[in-house]
Amino acid sequence: MSEPDIIGELRPLRGSDGQVYFPAPDVAALLRGIAASWAECAADDDPAWEPPGGDMVLLDADTVRTLADVLRVQANEIDLQSIALTSKGVDRT
């Protein structure tokens, strides 16, 4: 799944204060999806990224793997914080 496809799966919600919010599980899934995409890219011998309408950029595989790990850790932290809020009786919606 490409990053635009993953981003397209986010379901924005409008709060009673008028702000737009995204459900924490959606954000965690987004981060994990991007991390998986990056890890797959880093598995190639010569990882590269080509932005829409841009030139291909060669990437350092170790750096890409590290960034993917950072996104996974952030997704886990979102999950943990959501669990903590839920266990304290805070409404996540």
C-alpha atoms as a PDB file:
ATOM      1  CA  MET A   1       0.000   0.000   0.000  1.00  0.00           C
ATOM      2  CA  SER A   2       1.401   3.392  -0.915  1.00  0.00           C
ATOM      3  CA  GLU A   3       1.659   6.282   1.525  1.00  0.00           C
ATOM      4  CA  PRO A   4      -1.118   8.274  -0.226  1.00  0.00           C
ATOM      5  CA  ASP A   5      -3.397   5.221   0.106  1.00  0.00           C
ATOM      6  CA  ILE A   6      -2.595   4.977   3.816  1.00  0.00           C
ATOM      7  CA  ILE A   7      -3.201   8.685   4.361  1.00  0.00           C
ATOM      8  CA  GLY A   8      -6.505   8.362   2.506  1.00  0.00           C
ATOM      9  CA  GLU A   9      -7.700   5.911   5.169  1.00  0.00           C
ATOM     10  CA  LEU A  10      -7.635   8.513   7.956  1.00  0.00           C
ATOM     11  CA  ARG A  11     -11.125   9.443   9.107  1.00  0.00           C
ATOM     12  CA  PRO A  12     -11.175  13.035  10.327  1.00  0.00           C
ATOM     13  CA  LEU A  13     -13.723  13.900  12.993  1.00  0.00           C
ATOM     14  CA  ARG A  14     -14.935  17.347  14.008  1.00  0.00           C
ATOM     15  CA  GLY A  15     -14.996  17.913  17.749  1.00  0.00           C
ATOM     16  CA  SER A  16     -17.604  19.918  19.621  1.00  0.00           C
ATOM     17  CA  ASP A  17     -15.030  22.732  19.700  1.00  0.00           C
ATOM     18  CA  GLY A  18     -14.995  22.844  15.884  1.00  0.00           C
ATOM     19  CA  GLN A  19     -11.476  21.411  15.613  1.00  0.00           C
ATOM     20  CA  VAL A  20     -10.683  18.510  13.302  1.00  0.00           C
ATOM     21  CA  TYR A  21      -9.283  15.426  15.037  1.00  0.00           C
ATOM     22  CA  PHE A  22      -8.103  12.021  13.916  1.00  0.00           C
ATOM     23  CA  PRO A  23      -8.796   8.895  15.974  1.00  0.00           C
ATOM     24  CA  ALA A  24      -5.618   7.710  17.721  1.00  0.00           C
ATOM     25  CA  PRO A  25      -5.858   4.183  16.246  1.00  0.00           C
ATOM     26  CA  ASP A  26      -5.977   5.698  12.738  1.00  0.00           C
ATOM     27  CA  VAL A  27      -2.879   7.791  13.411  1.00  0.00           C
ATOM     28  CA  ALA A  28      -1.016   4.799  14.879  1.00  0.00           C
ATOM     29  CA  ALA A  29      -1.996   2.705  11.846  1.00  0.00           C
ATOM     30  CA  LEU A  30      -0.823   5.498   9.535  1.00  0.00           C
ATOM     31  CA  LEU A  31       2.579   5.620  11.227  1.00  0.00           C
ATOM     32  CA  ARG A  32       2.920   1.837  11.110  1.00  0.00           C
ATOM     33  CA  GLY A  33       1.924   1.781   7.438  1.00  0.00           C
ATOM     34  CA  ILE A  34       4.504   4.392   6.512  1.00  0.00           C
ATOM     35  CA  ALA A  35       7.122   2.556   8.602  1.00  0.00           C
ATOM     36  CA  ALA A  36       6.349  -0.683   6.753  1.00  0.00           C
ATOM     37  CA  SER A  37       6.635   1.100   3.418  1.00  0.00           C
ATOM     38  CA  TRP A  38       9.993   2.568   4.408  1.00  0.00           C
ATOM     39  CA  ALA A  39      11.263  -0.774   5.743  1.00  0.00           C
ATOM     40  CA  GLU A  40      10.313  -2.400   2.445  1.00  0.00           C
ATOM     41  CA  CYS A  41      12.172   0.347   0.585  1.00  0.00           C
ATOM     42  CA  ALA A  42      15.245  -0.135   2.800  1.00  0.00           C
ATOM     43  CA  ALA A  43      15.246  -3.863   2.019  1.00  0.00           C
ATOM     44  CA  ASP A  44      16.218  -3.040  -1.576  1.00  0.00           C
ATOM     45  CA  ASP A  45      19.925  -2.981  -2.399  1.00  0.00           C
ATOM     46  CA  ASP A  46      19.750   0.653  -3.534  1.00  0.00           C
ATOM     47  CA  PRO A  47      16.748   2.260  -1.829  1.00  0.00           C
ATOM     48  CA  ALA A  48      15.426   5.328  -3.565  1.00  0.00           C
ATOM     49  CA  TRP A  49      12.477   7.675  -3.349  1.00  0.00           C
ATOM     50  CA  GLU A  50      10.851   9.540  -6.195  1.00  0.00           C
ATOM     51  CA  PRO A  51       8.367  12.221  -5.202  1.00  0.00           C
ATOM     52  CA  PRO A  52       5.510  12.870  -7.613  1.00  0.00           C
ATOM     53  CA  GLY A  53       6.890  15.074 -10.380  1.00  0.00           C
ATOM     54  CA  GLY A  54      10.376  15.060  -8.834  1.00  0.00           C
ATOM     55  CA  ASP A  55      13.728  13.461  -9.354  1.00  0.00           C
ATOM     56  CA  MET A  56      14.724  10.156  -7.797  1.00  0.00           C
ATOM     57  CA  VAL A  57      16.726  10.487  -4.594  1.00  0.00           C
ATOM     58  CA  LEU A  58      19.000   7.669  -3.410  1.00  0.00           C
ATOM     59  CA  LEU A  59      18.539   6.872   0.266  1.00  0.00           C
ATOM     60  CA  ASP A  60      20.792   5.386   2.919  1.00  0.00           C
ATOM     61  CA  ALA A  61      19.179   2.079   3.915  1.00  0.00           C
ATOM     62  CA  ASP A  62      20.323   2.268   7.568  1.00  0.00           C
ATOM     63  CA  THR A  63      18.833   5.744   7.948  1.00  0.00           C
ATOM     64  CA  VAL A  64      15.546   4.656   6.377  1.00  0.00           C
ATOM     65  CA  ARG A  65      15.357   1.642   8.732  1.00  0.00           C
ATOM     66  CA  THR A  66      16.059   3.904  11.707  1.00  0.00           C
ATOM     67  CA  LEU A  67      13.328   6.345  10.674  1.00  0.00           C
ATOM     68  CA  ALA A  68      10.906   3.435  10.236  1.00  0.00           C
ATOM     69  CA  ASP A  69      11.769   2.264  13.760  1.00  0.00           C
ATOM     70  CA  VAL A  70      11.118   5.776  15.107  1.00  0.00           C
ATOM     71  CA  LEU A  71       7.655   5.801  13.492  1.00  0.00           C
ATOM     72  CA  ARG A  72       6.856   2.378  14.979  1.00  0.00           C
ATOM     73  CA  VAL A  73       7.894   3.586  18.438  1.00  0.00           C
ATOM     74  CA  GLN A  74       5.677   6.653  18.057  1.00  0.00           C
ATOM     75  CA  ALA A  75       2.745   4.443  17.012  1.00  0.00           C
ATOM     76  CA  ASN A  76       3.303   2.270  20.082  1.00  0.00           C
ATOM     77  CA  GLU A  77       3.402   5.372  22.284  1.00  0.00           C
ATOM     78  CA  ILE A  78       0.082   6.567  20.848  1.00  0.00           C
ATOM     79  CA  ASP A  79      -1.416   3.157  21.643  1.00  0.00           C
ATOM     80  CA  LEU A  80      -0.039   3.237  25.199  1.00  0.00           C
ATOM     81  CA  GLN A  81      -1.303   6.764  25.823  1.00  0.00           C
ATOM     82  CA  SER A  82      -4.735   5.815  24.477  1.00  0.00           C
ATOM     83  CA  ILE A  83      -4.858   2.826  26.814  1.00  0.00           C
ATOM     84  CA  ALA A  84      -3.787   5.011  29.743  1.00  0.00           C
ATOM     85  CA  LEU A  85      -6.473   7.604  28.985  1.00  0.00           C
ATOM     86  CA  THR A  86      -9.128   4.925  28.583  1.00  0.00           C
ATOM     87  CA  SER A  87      -8.185   3.255  31.862  1.00  0.00           C
ATOM     88  CA  LYS A  88      -8.534   6.620  33.609  1.00  0.00           C
ATOM     89  CA  GLY A  89     -12.022   7.016  32.214  1.00  0.00           C
ATOM     90  CA  VAL A  90     -11.179   9.814  29.785  1.00  0.00           C
ATOM     91  CA  ASP A  91     -13.360   9.883  26.683  1.00  0.00           C
ATOM     92  CA  ARG A  92     -11.111   9.609  23.594  1.00  0.00           C
ATOM     93  CA  THR A  93     -13.733  10.928  21.181  1.00  0.00           C
END
